[in-house]
Structure formats: C-alpha cells, structure tokens
Amino acid sequence: MMILVTIICYFAALLLIARITGHKGGSNAAFFKGENKSPWYIVSFGMIGASISGVTFVSVPGMIRGMDMTYMQTVFGFFFGYMVVAHVLLPLYYRLNLTSIYGYLGTRIGTHAYRTGSFFFLLSRMLGTAAKLYLVCLILHTYVFQEMHIPFWLIAVGSVALVWIYTHKSGIKTIVWTDTLQTFCLIAALIFIIYFTVQKLGLDFSGIIRTIQGSEHSRIFVFDDWISRQNFFKQFFSGIFIVIVMTGLDQDMMQKNLSCRNLREAKKNMYCYGFSFIPLNLLFLCLGILLIALAGQMQLELPPHSVPPELPAMNDDILPMFAAQGYLGKPVLILFTIGIIAAAFSNSDSALTAMTTSVCVDLLNTGKDSEEVACRKRKKVHFSLSVLLALFICLVEMLNNKSVIDAIYIIASYTYGPLLGMFAFGLFTRRQTNDRRVPLTAVASPLLCYVLDWWIFKETGYKFGYELLMLNGTLTFAGLMLMSKKEKTLKAP
C-alpha cells in the first residue's frame, strides 16, 4: 500500500507541473520547441533522466558480472561525442531554425532522404520505447502489483495514459520541467540505495574504496585483447558514435536542445549534460560491485547473468532481487520503484512528444496549416501514437518471448546506421546523390550489415558489437557516394 501511495503522489506531482507549465495554452510553438524559452541548466539536468531508461537503472549494476567496469570506456567516449554534437550539429540546426532535425536532409539531399530519415527515427524510437516500457511494466507487475491482482495490460495502458495526460497539451514545454523532477528522483533513489547497501555491508568511506578496488570486477580498461568486445578502442570510439547518432541525430534528444533560448545556451547544456554521465554511470557500476559483495556476505545465490551482457532484455536481476525480496529493507523497494518509474517515464514522455513532432512536421507538413488546424492534427497524432505504443507493449507481453525483446533492440540498433550515413554525406561532401534511391540504400545497408555479421560470426566466431553502427553508417555513406555526382553550384548548408 505504501508503494501505491508513493506512485500516486509521484504522478500527482507530474500532473501539477504539467498544469502549471500548460496553463497559458497548448500552441504548437510550445509543444514542439517550448517557445524557445527553456533555461539551459533545466534542460541539461532533465536530459540525464531522459537518457537513462528504466532498463538502464536495472541493468547497468548487473553489467558488472559480465563485463566488469569496462562500460566506463564507452562512457568516456560519450563525452567526446557530446562535444561533436555541440560544435558540429547544434550550430547547423540552429542556423536552419529547424523544428525537426530531419528537415536538414530535405534541404541538403531531397524529399525522399528527408522522409527516410524521419521514418527510420520513428521506427527505432517506437520499437525502443515500447521495449523499455514493457520491461519496466513487467518489473512493476512482478514486484509491485502482482499481489494486488492488477493485470499486466492495465499497467501498460495506465502507464502510457499517464504519459499522454501530462504531455498532450504543452509537449516539450512541460517535459523540460517534468524531466527535471524525474531526474532528481532517479539520482536520489540511486544514492539512497547505495547508502542502504553500504550500511548493510558495515563499511565506512575507506572501506567502500577498498571493496571496489579489491573486487575482481573492478577492471575498467582493456588494451591487450583486440578480439574482445570490451577492447578500449572499440568501446571508446563506439561511445563517440553512439552519442552522435542516438543524441545528435535523434529528434527526441535534440528537441530539448532546440527549446533553449539560443545556440550558446544549447552548447552549455550539452557540455554539462555530457560530463554528468561519467560520475552517474560510475555510481551505477559501483553499486553493482557493492551488491555482489553483499550477496557474498549474506551467502545469497545470484541469478544467472546474460551473454552477451549488454542485451537489455536478458540482463541481471541483481538490483530487483535485493529490492523486491527485502534484503535491503522496505525503503529500498520504494526507492527502487521510484527510480525505475522516473527513468522509464522521463525517457518515454520525450520519445512520445518527439514522435508526434516528427509525424506532424515531417510527414503531415503541418507547418503549412493554420494554427488551429495544425493543433487539431497534432492532438490526433499524439493520441494515436499513444494508443499504438500501448498496443505494442501488450502485444510483446502476449507473445511472452524474451527473444522478441532482443529482436526489437537489435532492429532499433540497426536503424540508426542509415541516419549516420545520410547526415555524414550531407555534412562532409558537396556532392548531390540520387534522392529517389536514398530509401533503397537506407534499407539495403542494415540488411547487408546483418548478413556480414552472420557470415563473419559463422566463419571466425567474431560477433560485432557497438562497431556495427559505424559499419552500417559507412555502407550507407558509400551507397550515397556511388549514386552521387559533383555539382559545382551546390552549397551545403
């Protein structure tokens, strides 16, 4: 009952923020870009929660057993990726005064490229958001609501409905502030869970440092094994490209940046936001080591870890196990519930808003409509996407097969490669490609990547990891180059 009251209070706070931020009306300017009045420091803090899904909150501590602390190599790469976004992509988006970032592809390459970029974003974001919300709904159903005999479908529909309620009116203008609350809850939950874990272990500060340093899982850097997926250079450069694609070329993440007052403040947001990921992910990984140490002290049998460990659907149940079974006390179960809800909803609300923006601006071209007509279309699209998201979550639950979740994440990871290739072609060449054949190239590249990954694994036993994104983007870029011709009159934006 205490958990249910906590959840009700939490969502009441979100609805209050939505009411305050949306009391002056829900124009398209407010929904899409927050009327360009969002304070950069609020955007920066809120984006932390939007980038950390409920799956991450659960799974990153569990990565420890499968890959030690080597995930930090990718995190270090993230920071440099954010610098590229701040100094290459943000100036471009602000100069063109874009609402949807895929408008750049239309300006630089053509209409087919524009629609293709938007389609790949919508596909990857819908699949990724549905999978993340499914896993969080499953955790809530298993550990919180099952005893109340609340069915899974009601949790899924209720979760999406709550997101729709507090985003449908003012969109990004509301999300900037609700994400701030959710990020605060997420970080507070993480810190207090670490505190209760340390208390249970009976450690002081120096004891914490010794426990982490002395763990067999404390390894961060891998320089000596070039075949390993945890090799430093693979992880580091993959981290850079992951951020460029999943932040810089993602309407969801860029929409918040474009709501800042100007380019200078948007860059500040990116610096602060990018750096904050380093200590935050370090805390998640340290929690994983401390939980393993506590399991050893209490002689608990941990659930089997996944192989490979980075597949979100199969990750360790270490943190849920400690929280749900009461090993750390009732407060930790409440904190755990708040943490995954905050992480999941700060990720999902912005995704739903970004998808609505992309459909309206990129596919329906509502910019040519009157404000009244455009608002009416936007509300219909927002509601329709909410229904589709809820249906997709329920469909995955009905299939009841973890391999379906894995497939969803794999498909989503493939869809970002064509975006990387198209933007790279536009930014780094002055050539004009065959716009009509861009969709074919964008579909062929991930299919070829899949075949190459299968063949190389069959012949050598080597399985592509994060570097598959770079290969996918390179193939798309190469395809556009093969179809291109030099035009002296072309001026790249």
Protein backbone atom coordinates (compact mmCIF):
# COMPACT_ATOMS: atom_id res chain seq x y z
CA MET A 1 0.00 0.00 0.00
CA MET A 2 2.87 2.35 0.81
CA ILE A 3 4.33 1.78 -2.67
CA LEU A 4 0.98 2.51 -4.31
CA VAL A 5 0.63 5.74 -2.32
CA THR A 6 4.17 6.72 -3.34
CA ILE A 7 3.38 6.14 -7.02
CA ILE A 8 0.14 8.15 -6.77
CA CYS A 9 1.96 11.07 -5.09
CA TYR A 10 4.69 10.91 -7.71
CA PHE A 11 2.29 11.16 -10.64
CA ALA A 12 0.28 13.84 -8.85
CA ALA A 13 3.47 15.93 -8.78
CA LEU A 14 3.96 15.36 -12.54
CA LEU A 15 0.37 16.39 -13.29
CA LEU A 16 0.77 19.52 -11.15
CA ILE A 17 3.87 20.53 -13.11
CA ALA A 18 2.00 19.87 -16.37
CA ARG A 19 -0.88 22.07 -15.23
CA ILE A 20 1.43 24.92 -14.22
CA THR A 21 3.51 24.84 -17.43
CA GLY A 22 0.49 24.43 -19.70
CA HIS A 23 -1.92 26.92 -18.14
CA LYS A 24 -1.36 29.53 -20.88
CA GLY A 25 -2.44 27.23 -23.67
CA GLY A 26 -1.02 24.45 -25.81
CA SER A 27 0.24 26.05 -29.01
CA ASN A 28 2.39 24.17 -31.50
CA ALA A 29 5.29 26.50 -30.67
CA ALA A 30 5.08 25.40 -27.03
CA PHE A 31 4.59 21.73 -27.86
CA PHE A 32 7.41 21.43 -30.41
CA LYS A 33 10.07 23.86 -29.14
CA GLY A 34 8.91 25.19 -25.77
CA GLU A 35 8.63 28.63 -27.37
CA ASN A 36 12.47 28.69 -27.19
CA LYS A 37 12.32 29.75 -23.56
CA SER A 38 13.73 26.70 -21.76
CA PRO A 39 16.59 27.50 -19.32
CA TRP A 40 19.67 25.53 -20.45
CA TYR A 41 20.51 24.25 -16.96
CA ILE A 42 16.99 22.85 -16.51
CA VAL A 43 17.19 21.17 -19.93
CA SER A 44 20.63 19.75 -19.10
CA PHE A 45 19.56 18.26 -15.78
CA GLY A 46 16.33 16.83 -17.19
CA MET A 47 18.08 15.22 -20.16
CA ILE A 48 20.05 13.00 -17.77
CA GLY A 49 16.87 11.20 -16.78
CA ALA A 50 15.65 11.08 -20.38
CA SER A 51 18.85 9.30 -21.42
CA ILE A 52 18.65 6.70 -18.64
CA SER A 53 15.75 4.34 -19.18
CA GLY A 54 14.24 2.10 -16.53
CA VAL A 55 16.11 -0.75 -18.18
CA THR A 56 19.41 1.06 -17.59
CA PHE A 57 18.52 1.65 -13.95
CA VAL A 58 18.02 -2.10 -13.54
CA SER A 59 20.70 -3.47 -15.84
CA VAL A 60 23.85 -1.34 -15.52
CA PRO A 61 24.63 -2.63 -11.99
CA GLY A 62 24.22 -6.13 -13.42
CA MET A 63 26.75 -5.50 -16.20
CA ILE A 64 29.50 -5.90 -13.62
CA ARG A 65 29.45 -9.69 -13.64
CA GLY A 66 29.54 -9.98 -17.41
CA MET A 67 31.94 -7.19 -18.41
CA ASP A 68 33.38 -5.76 -15.16
CA MET A 69 33.53 -1.93 -15.20
CA THR A 70 34.66 -1.77 -18.84
CA TYR A 71 31.40 0.00 -19.73
CA MET A 72 33.14 3.15 -18.45
CA GLN A 73 35.30 3.08 -21.60
CA THR A 74 32.13 3.66 -23.63
CA VAL A 75 31.02 6.36 -21.18
CA PHE A 76 34.31 8.23 -21.67
CA GLY A 77 33.62 8.11 -25.40
CA PHE A 78 30.16 9.55 -24.75
CA PHE A 79 31.68 12.81 -23.51
CA PHE A 80 33.65 13.42 -26.70
CA GLY A 81 30.58 12.51 -28.72
CA TYR A 82 28.65 15.26 -26.94
CA MET A 83 31.40 17.73 -27.88
CA VAL A 84 30.96 16.79 -31.55
CA VAL A 85 27.21 17.31 -31.26
CA ALA A 86 27.73 20.69 -29.57
CA HIS A 87 30.17 22.03 -32.15
CA VAL A 88 29.05 20.38 -35.40
CA LEU A 89 25.33 19.53 -35.29
CA LEU A 90 23.80 22.10 -32.94
CA PRO A 91 25.14 25.10 -34.92
CA LEU A 92 23.66 23.57 -38.08
CA TYR A 93 20.23 23.01 -36.52
CA TYR A 94 20.08 26.50 -35.05
CA ARG A 95 21.27 28.13 -38.26
CA LEU A 96 18.49 26.44 -40.22
CA ASN A 97 15.95 27.16 -37.43
CA LEU A 98 14.71 23.56 -37.54
CA THR A 99 11.78 22.11 -35.64
CA SER A 100 12.52 18.58 -36.86
CA ILE A 101 16.23 17.92 -37.39
CA TYR A 102 15.46 15.71 -40.41
CA GLY A 103 14.48 18.85 -42.26
CA TYR A 104 18.23 19.21 -42.89
CA LEU A 105 18.17 16.09 -45.08
CA GLY A 106 15.41 17.64 -47.16
CA THR A 107 17.40 20.86 -47.59
CA ARG A 108 20.68 19.13 -48.37
CA ILE A 109 19.68 15.95 -50.27
CA GLY A 110 15.97 15.90 -51.08
CA THR A 111 12.46 14.97 -50.05
CA HIS A 112 13.00 11.22 -50.16
CA ALA A 113 16.02 11.48 -47.87
CA TYR A 114 14.00 13.72 -45.55
CA ARG A 115 11.13 11.25 -45.27
CA THR A 116 13.53 8.28 -44.99
CA GLY A 117 15.37 9.87 -42.07
CA SER A 118 12.09 10.59 -40.30
CA PHE A 119 10.81 7.05 -40.94
CA PHE A 120 13.93 5.42 -39.51
CA PHE A 121 13.70 7.62 -36.43
CA LEU A 122 10.02 6.76 -35.89
CA LEU A 123 10.69 3.04 -36.33
CA SER A 124 13.63 2.92 -33.95
CA ARG A 125 12.02 5.16 -31.34
CA MET A 126 8.68 3.33 -31.31
CA LEU A 127 10.37 -0.08 -31.01
CA GLY A 128 12.87 1.08 -28.39
CA THR A 129 10.31 2.93 -26.29
CA ALA A 130 7.85 0.02 -26.37
CA ALA A 131 10.56 -2.44 -25.33
CA LYS A 132 11.78 -0.24 -22.49
CA LEU A 133 8.28 0.42 -21.18
CA TYR A 134 7.42 -3.26 -21.49
CA LEU A 135 10.33 -4.27 -19.30
CA VAL A 136 9.52 -1.63 -16.70
CA CYS A 137 5.82 -2.60 -16.70
CA LEU A 138 6.89 -6.22 -16.28
CA ILE A 139 9.07 -5.33 -13.27
CA LEU A 140 6.25 -3.31 -11.71
CA HIS A 141 3.80 -6.13 -12.35
CA THR A 142 6.11 -8.79 -10.93
CA TYR A 143 7.44 -6.97 -7.89
CA VAL A 144 4.76 -4.42 -7.03
CA PHE A 145 1.27 -5.02 -8.46
CA GLN A 146 1.01 -8.78 -8.81
CA GLU A 147 -0.15 -9.24 -5.23
CA MET A 148 -2.91 -6.70 -5.92
CA HIS A 149 -4.08 -8.88 -8.86
CA ILE A 150 -3.72 -5.99 -11.31
CA PRO A 151 -3.31 -7.41 -14.87
CA PHE A 152 -0.29 -6.51 -16.98
CA TRP A 153 -2.31 -4.89 -19.77
CA LEU A 154 -3.85 -2.43 -17.31
CA ILE A 155 -0.38 -1.42 -16.08
CA ALA A 156 0.78 -0.91 -19.68
CA VAL A 157 -2.29 1.09 -20.73
CA GLY A 158 -2.22 3.10 -17.50
CA SER A 159 1.46 3.92 -17.91
CA VAL A 160 1.02 5.23 -21.46
CA ALA A 161 -2.18 7.05 -20.50
CA LEU A 162 -0.36 8.92 -17.72
CA VAL A 163 2.36 9.98 -20.16
CA TRP A 164 -0.29 11.19 -22.60
CA ILE A 165 -2.14 13.14 -19.90
CA TYR A 166 0.81 15.29 -18.86
CA THR A 167 2.31 15.76 -22.35
CA HIS A 168 -0.68 16.18 -24.69
CA LYS A 169 -1.16 19.89 -24.11
CA SER A 170 2.24 21.57 -23.96
CA GLY A 171 4.63 18.82 -25.02
CA ILE A 172 8.28 19.78 -24.72
CA LYS A 173 7.46 22.86 -22.64
CA THR A 174 6.11 20.57 -19.93
CA ILE A 175 8.64 17.78 -20.39
CA VAL A 176 11.62 20.05 -19.73
CA TRP A 177 10.29 20.54 -16.20
CA THR A 178 8.82 17.09 -15.52
CA ASP A 179 12.11 15.52 -16.61
CA THR A 180 13.88 17.68 -14.02
CA LEU A 181 11.72 16.20 -11.27
CA GLN A 182 12.19 12.70 -12.63
CA THR A 183 15.98 13.08 -12.89
CA PHE A 184 16.11 14.29 -9.31
CA CYS A 185 14.09 11.26 -8.17
CA LEU A 186 16.28 8.90 -10.17
CA ILE A 187 19.57 10.25 -8.78
CA ALA A 188 18.20 10.45 -5.24
CA ALA A 189 16.97 6.85 -5.46
CA LEU A 190 20.39 5.69 -6.70
CA ILE A 191 22.29 7.50 -3.93
CA PHE A 192 19.99 6.23 -1.17
CA ILE A 193 20.13 2.65 -2.47
CA ILE A 194 23.93 2.87 -2.35
CA TYR A 195 23.68 4.28 1.17
CA PHE A 196 21.49 1.42 2.41
CA THR A 197 23.76 -1.13 0.71
CA VAL A 198 26.84 0.36 2.38
CA GLN A 199 25.04 0.37 5.73
CA LYS A 200 24.20 -3.31 5.30
CA LEU A 201 27.85 -4.06 4.49
CA GLY A 202 29.00 -2.06 7.52
CA LEU A 203 31.56 -0.05 5.54
CA ASP A 204 32.96 3.43 6.04
CA PHE A 205 34.21 5.52 3.09
CA SER A 206 37.66 3.94 3.02
CA GLY A 207 36.01 0.51 3.26
CA ILE A 208 33.89 1.32 0.20
CA ILE A 209 37.00 2.25 -1.79
CA ARG A 210 38.83 -0.92 -0.68
CA THR A 211 35.83 -3.12 -1.55
CA ILE A 212 35.53 -1.65 -5.04
CA GLN A 213 39.27 -1.67 -5.75
CA GLY A 214 39.68 -5.20 -4.41
CA SER A 215 36.81 -6.65 -6.44
CA GLU A 216 37.61 -8.98 -9.31
CA HIS A 217 35.17 -6.91 -11.33
CA SER A 218 36.93 -3.54 -10.86
CA ARG A 219 38.73 -3.69 -14.23
CA ILE A 220 37.95 -0.64 -16.38
CA PHE A 221 40.42 -0.64 -19.28
CA VAL A 222 41.14 -3.44 -21.76
CA PHE A 223 44.07 -2.74 -24.09
CA ASP A 224 45.58 -6.18 -24.57
CA ASP A 225 42.72 -8.13 -26.20
CA TRP A 226 41.84 -6.89 -29.70
CA ILE A 227 39.24 -9.61 -30.24
CA SER A 228 37.28 -8.75 -27.09
CA ARG A 229 34.17 -6.62 -27.42
CA GLN A 230 35.46 -4.80 -24.34
CA ASN A 231 38.64 -3.58 -26.07
CA PHE A 232 39.23 0.08 -25.17
CA PHE A 233 39.37 1.42 -28.72
CA LYS A 234 36.20 -0.41 -29.77
CA GLN A 235 34.31 0.80 -26.72
CA PHE A 236 35.68 4.35 -26.74
CA PHE A 237 35.08 5.14 -30.41
CA SER A 238 31.76 3.31 -30.35
CA GLY A 239 30.75 5.57 -27.44
CA ILE A 240 31.53 8.64 -29.55
CA PHE A 241 29.45 7.42 -32.48
CA ILE A 242 26.61 6.19 -30.27
CA VAL A 243 26.18 9.71 -28.89
CA ILE A 244 26.48 11.35 -32.31
CA VAL A 245 23.73 9.11 -33.66
CA MET A 246 21.46 8.48 -30.65
CA THR A 247 21.64 12.07 -29.42
CA GLY A 248 22.80 14.31 -32.26
CA LEU A 249 20.74 12.60 -34.98
CA ASP A 250 17.77 11.77 -32.75
CA GLN A 251 14.78 14.09 -32.77
CA ASP A 252 13.89 13.03 -29.23
CA MET A 253 17.12 14.29 -27.67
CA MET A 254 17.66 17.26 -29.98
CA GLN A 255 14.16 18.62 -29.49
CA LYS A 256 15.03 19.59 -25.93
CA ASN A 257 18.23 21.31 -27.06
CA LEU A 258 16.30 23.25 -29.70
CA SER A 259 13.99 24.56 -26.98
CA CYS A 260 16.87 26.53 -25.41
CA ARG A 261 16.95 30.30 -25.87
CA ASN A 262 19.90 30.31 -28.26
CA LEU A 263 22.84 28.27 -29.58
CA ARG A 264 25.21 29.44 -26.85
CA GLU A 265 22.91 28.13 -24.10
CA ALA A 266 22.29 24.89 -26.03
CA LYS A 267 26.06 24.29 -26.09
CA LYS A 268 26.28 24.89 -22.34
CA ASN A 269 23.54 22.34 -21.89
CA MET A 270 25.47 19.78 -23.94
CA TYR A 271 28.76 20.33 -22.02
CA CYS A 272 27.12 19.93 -18.62
CA TYR A 273 24.88 17.06 -19.66
CA GLY A 274 27.74 15.18 -21.35
CA PHE A 275 30.09 15.43 -18.39
CA SER A 276 27.45 14.37 -15.85
CA PHE A 277 27.21 10.93 -17.43
CA ILE A 278 30.67 9.98 -16.20
CA PRO A 279 30.08 10.11 -12.41
CA LEU A 280 26.48 8.88 -12.75
CA ASN A 281 27.38 5.69 -14.62
CA LEU A 282 30.33 5.17 -12.29
CA LEU A 283 27.89 5.18 -9.37
CA PHE A 284 25.67 2.59 -11.10
CA LEU A 285 28.64 0.28 -11.66
CA CYS A 286 29.96 0.76 -8.12
CA LEU A 287 26.50 -0.20 -6.84
CA GLY A 288 26.81 -3.42 -8.82
CA ILE A 289 30.10 -4.29 -7.11
CA LEU A 290 28.69 -3.46 -3.68
CA LEU A 291 25.62 -5.64 -4.29
CA ILE A 292 27.82 -8.56 -5.34
CA ALA A 293 29.89 -8.08 -2.18
CA LEU A 294 26.71 -8.02 -0.08
CA ALA A 295 25.46 -11.18 -1.79
CA GLY A 296 28.72 -12.89 -0.85
CA GLN A 297 28.47 -11.67 2.73
CA MET A 298 24.87 -12.89 3.01
CA GLN A 299 25.63 -16.10 1.07
CA LEU A 300 22.93 -15.40 -1.48
CA GLU A 301 22.73 -17.12 -4.85
CA LEU A 302 22.60 -14.53 -7.61
CA PRO A 303 20.51 -15.03 -10.78
CA PRO A 304 22.49 -16.10 -13.88
CA HIS A 305 23.88 -13.24 -15.93
CA SER A 306 23.24 -12.79 -19.62
CA VAL A 307 25.57 -13.50 -22.51
CA PRO A 308 26.27 -11.07 -24.04
CA PRO A 309 25.68 -8.85 -21.00
CA GLU A 310 24.60 -5.75 -22.93
CA LEU A 311 21.32 -7.25 -24.14
CA PRO A 312 18.79 -5.29 -22.05
CA ALA A 313 16.07 -7.94 -22.08
CA MET A 314 18.30 -10.59 -20.54
CA ASN A 315 20.20 -8.56 -18.01
CA ASP A 316 20.88 -9.47 -14.42
CA ASP A 317 18.18 -9.30 -11.83
CA ILE A 318 20.61 -8.32 -9.05
CA LEU A 319 19.09 -4.97 -8.07
CA PRO A 320 15.43 -6.11 -8.44
CA MET A 321 16.23 -9.21 -6.38
CA PHE A 322 17.69 -7.22 -3.48
CA ALA A 323 14.90 -4.64 -3.64
CA ALA A 324 11.91 -6.96 -4.01
CA GLN A 325 12.95 -9.67 -1.58
CA GLY A 326 13.55 -7.22 1.24
CA TYR A 327 17.29 -7.82 1.74
CA LEU A 328 17.85 -4.05 1.98
CA GLY A 329 14.61 -3.17 3.73
CA LYS A 330 11.27 -1.68 2.70
CA PRO A 331 12.70 1.80 1.95
CA VAL A 332 14.87 0.38 -0.85
CA LEU A 333 11.85 -1.25 -2.52
CA ILE A 334 10.13 2.13 -2.53
CA LEU A 335 13.27 3.85 -3.84
CA PHE A 336 13.73 1.17 -6.49
CA THR A 337 10.14 1.63 -7.65
CA ILE A 338 10.55 5.41 -7.83
CA GLY A 339 13.86 5.04 -9.64
CA ILE A 340 12.63 2.80 -12.45
CA ILE A 341 9.42 4.79 -12.86
CA ALA A 342 11.35 8.07 -13.03
CA ALA A 343 13.86 6.65 -15.51
CA ALA A 344 11.21 4.99 -17.68
CA PHE A 345 8.82 7.92 -17.85
CA SER A 346 11.44 10.62 -18.43
CA ASN A 347 12.55 8.52 -21.41
CA SER A 348 9.06 7.71 -22.68
CA ASP A 349 7.40 11.13 -22.41
CA SER A 350 10.05 12.83 -24.53
CA ALA A 351 10.00 9.95 -27.04
CA LEU A 352 6.23 10.23 -27.49
CA THR A 353 6.49 14.00 -27.94
CA ALA A 354 9.36 13.66 -30.43
CA MET A 355 7.46 11.06 -32.48
CA THR A 356 4.43 13.36 -32.56
CA THR A 357 6.65 16.21 -33.75
CA SER A 358 8.23 14.09 -36.46
CA VAL A 359 4.88 12.84 -37.82
CA CYS A 360 3.35 16.32 -37.81
CA VAL A 361 6.30 18.27 -39.21
CA ASP A 362 7.99 15.67 -41.44
CA LEU A 363 5.10 13.58 -42.74
CA LEU A 364 1.97 15.74 -42.44
CA ASN A 365 3.75 19.07 -43.03
CA THR A 366 1.54 20.89 -40.53
CA GLY A 367 3.70 24.00 -40.86
CA LYS A 368 1.60 24.94 -43.88
CA ASP A 369 -1.67 24.69 -41.94
CA SER A 370 -3.30 27.33 -39.79
CA GLU A 371 -2.53 27.18 -36.08
CA GLU A 372 -5.98 25.80 -35.31
CA VAL A 373 -5.82 23.05 -37.93
CA ALA A 374 -2.21 22.16 -37.03
CA CYS A 375 -3.09 21.87 -33.32
CA ARG A 376 -6.03 19.63 -34.13
CA LYS A 377 -3.84 17.34 -36.24
CA ARG A 378 -1.15 17.29 -33.57
CA LYS A 379 -3.56 16.19 -30.87
CA LYS A 380 -4.91 13.38 -33.06
CA VAL A 381 -1.39 12.18 -33.87
CA HIS A 382 -0.31 12.34 -30.23
CA PHE A 383 -3.29 10.28 -29.12
CA SER A 384 -2.90 7.76 -31.97
CA LEU A 385 0.77 7.20 -31.20
CA SER A 386 -0.08 6.70 -27.52
CA VAL A 387 -2.62 4.01 -28.42
CA LEU A 388 -0.14 2.35 -30.77
CA LEU A 389 2.54 2.34 -28.07
CA ALA A 390 0.21 0.73 -25.53
CA LEU A 391 -0.93 -1.89 -28.05
CA PHE A 392 2.65 -2.74 -28.95
CA ILE A 393 3.60 -3.22 -25.28
CA CYS A 394 0.63 -5.55 -24.77
CA LEU A 395 1.48 -7.47 -27.96
CA VAL A 396 5.01 -8.15 -26.73
CA GLU A 397 3.62 -9.35 -23.40
CA MET A 398 1.17 -11.67 -25.17
CA LEU A 399 4.00 -13.24 -27.19
CA ASN A 400 5.78 -13.85 -23.87
CA ASN A 401 9.13 -14.47 -25.54
CA LYS A 402 12.34 -12.73 -24.50
CA SER A 403 13.79 -13.28 -27.96
CA VAL A 404 11.13 -10.85 -29.24
CA ILE A 405 12.56 -8.15 -26.99
CA ASP A 406 16.07 -8.93 -28.17
CA ALA A 407 14.90 -8.66 -31.78
CA ILE A 408 13.32 -5.27 -31.06
CA TYR A 409 16.56 -3.91 -29.64
CA ILE A 410 18.59 -5.36 -32.50
CA ILE A 411 16.28 -3.79 -35.09
CA ALA A 412 16.42 -0.45 -33.27
CA SER A 413 20.23 -0.55 -33.23
CA TYR A 414 20.32 -1.18 -36.99
CA THR A 415 18.04 1.74 -37.83
CA TYR A 416 20.44 4.43 -36.59
CA GLY A 417 23.19 3.49 -39.08
CA PRO A 418 21.41 4.91 -42.16
CA LEU A 419 20.85 8.19 -40.29
CA LEU A 420 24.59 8.39 -39.59
CA GLY A 421 25.43 7.73 -43.24
CA MET A 422 22.93 10.26 -44.62
CA PHE A 423 23.98 13.06 -42.28
CA ALA A 424 27.68 12.32 -42.89
CA PHE A 425 27.13 12.51 -46.64
CA GLY A 426 25.35 15.84 -46.29
CA LEU A 427 27.89 17.37 -43.92
CA PHE A 428 31.19 16.18 -45.34
CA THR A 429 30.63 16.16 -49.09
CA ARG A 430 29.47 18.70 -51.66
CA ARG A 431 28.01 16.09 -53.95
CA GLN A 432 24.40 15.52 -54.92
CA THR A 433 23.06 11.96 -54.82
CA ASN A 434 20.03 10.34 -56.40
CA ASP A 435 17.34 11.28 -53.91
CA ARG A 436 14.83 8.72 -55.20
CA ARG A 437 17.23 5.87 -54.43
CA VAL A 438 18.07 7.00 -50.90
CA PRO A 439 15.33 4.84 -49.29
CA LEU A 440 16.68 1.77 -51.10
CA THR A 441 20.22 2.46 -49.87
CA ALA A 442 18.99 3.09 -46.32
CA VAL A 443 17.20 -0.28 -46.25
CA ALA A 444 19.98 -2.22 -48.02
CA SER A 445 22.74 -1.07 -45.65
CA PRO A 446 21.37 -2.63 -42.42
CA LEU A 447 20.40 -5.79 -44.32
CA LEU A 448 23.96 -6.10 -45.64
CA CYS A 449 25.29 -5.48 -42.12
CA TYR A 450 23.14 -8.31 -40.81
CA VAL A 451 24.44 -10.69 -43.48
CA LEU A 452 28.06 -9.66 -42.82
CA ASP A 453 27.62 -10.09 -39.08
CA TRP A 454 26.14 -13.57 -39.58
CA TRP A 455 28.82 -14.65 -42.07
CA ILE A 456 31.80 -13.35 -40.05
CA PHE A 457 30.48 -14.99 -36.89
CA LYS A 458 29.99 -18.28 -38.75
CA GLU A 459 33.49 -18.20 -40.26
CA THR A 460 35.55 -16.71 -37.42
CA GLY A 461 33.41 -16.77 -34.29
CA TYR A 462 33.71 -12.98 -34.03
CA LYS A 463 30.46 -11.16 -33.21
CA PHE A 464 30.08 -7.47 -33.99
CA GLY A 465 29.28 -5.22 -31.04
CA TYR A 466 28.83 -1.47 -30.96
CA GLU A 467 31.10 -1.11 -34.02
CA LEU A 468 28.21 -2.41 -36.15
CA LEU A 469 26.75 1.10 -36.01
CA MET A 470 29.86 2.55 -37.68
CA LEU A 471 29.85 -0.17 -40.34
CA ASN A 472 26.18 0.45 -41.06
CA GLY A 473 26.74 4.19 -41.41
CA THR A 474 29.78 3.63 -43.64
CA LEU A 475 27.81 1.38 -46.00
CA THR A 476 25.03 3.95 -46.28
CA PHE A 477 27.57 6.70 -46.93
CA ALA A 478 29.29 4.56 -49.60
CA GLY A 479 25.97 3.82 -51.29
CA LEU A 480 25.11 7.52 -51.48
CA MET A 481 28.57 8.29 -52.86
CA LEU A 482 28.23 5.65 -55.60
CA MET A 483 24.98 7.27 -56.75
CA SER A 484 26.31 10.83 -56.47
CA LYS A 485 27.72 13.38 -58.86
CA LYS A 486 29.58 16.59 -58.31
CA GLU A 487 27.62 19.79 -58.79
CA LYS A 488 29.62 22.99 -58.74
CA THR A 489 26.57 25.07 -57.91
CA LEU A 490 25.67 23.06 -54.80
CA LYS A 491 26.22 24.79 -51.50
CA ALA A 492 25.96 22.61 -48.43
CA PRO A 493 24.06 24.32 -45.58
